[in-house]
Amino acid sequence: MTLNMLFFTITIKKRTMTAEEYLHQEKIQKLRDEYIDKSMKYRYF
């Protein structure tokens, strides 16, 4: 009888955002919101 075991560890570290990354994400969110608003204007219900 053979018993094979595999042990591994996953470490998750919270990543902090720099000011540039924060501004970039904010810009992306703003553009996404504008796109959604524009697309909802032409949507038929």
Protein backbone atom coordinates (compact mmCIF):
# COMPACT_ATOMS: atom_id res chain seq x y z
CA MET A 1 0.00 0.00 0.00
CA THR A 2 1.35 3.41 -0.98
CA LEU A 3 0.26 6.64 0.64
CA ASN A 4 1.24 9.80 -1.19
CA MET A 5 0.60 13.10 0.53
CA LEU A 6 1.10 16.59 -0.76
CA PHE A 7 1.25 19.53 1.63
CA PHE A 8 1.18 23.11 0.48
CA THR A 9 0.40 26.48 2.00
CA ILE A 10 -1.31 29.41 0.35
CA THR A 11 -0.56 32.80 1.83
CA ILE A 12 -2.75 35.75 0.94
CA LYS A 13 -1.40 39.18 1.71
CA LYS A 14 -3.55 42.28 1.43
CA ARG A 15 -2.08 44.62 -1.17
CA THR A 16 -2.09 48.32 -0.44
CA MET A 17 -2.80 50.70 -3.29
CA THR A 18 -0.64 53.68 -4.08
CA ALA A 19 -2.15 57.09 -4.75
CA GLU A 20 -1.62 56.64 -8.51
CA GLU A 21 -3.38 53.26 -8.49
CA TYR A 22 -6.26 54.71 -6.47
CA LEU A 23 -6.70 57.61 -8.94
CA HIS A 24 -6.50 55.20 -11.87
CA GLN A 25 -9.20 52.95 -10.39
CA GLU A 26 -11.35 55.99 -9.66
CA LYS A 27 -11.01 57.13 -13.30
CA ILE A 28 -11.93 53.65 -14.56
CA GLN A 29 -15.00 53.58 -12.31
CA LYS A 30 -16.08 57.02 -13.53
CA LEU A 31 -15.75 55.98 -17.18
CA ARG A 32 -17.63 52.74 -16.49
CA ASP A 33 -20.46 54.65 -14.80
CA GLU A 34 -20.68 57.08 -17.73
CA TYR A 35 -20.82 54.17 -20.18
CA ILE A 36 -23.58 52.47 -18.20
CA ASP A 37 -25.59 55.70 -18.00
CA LYS A 38 -25.20 56.27 -21.73
CA SER A 39 -26.19 52.71 -22.61
CA MET A 40 -29.23 52.82 -20.30
CA LYS A 41 -30.44 55.94 -22.09
CA TYR A 42 -30.91 54.00 -25.33
CA ARG A 43 -32.25 50.80 -23.80
CA TYR A 44 -35.86 49.86 -24.41
CA PHE A 45 -37.91 48.46 -21.54
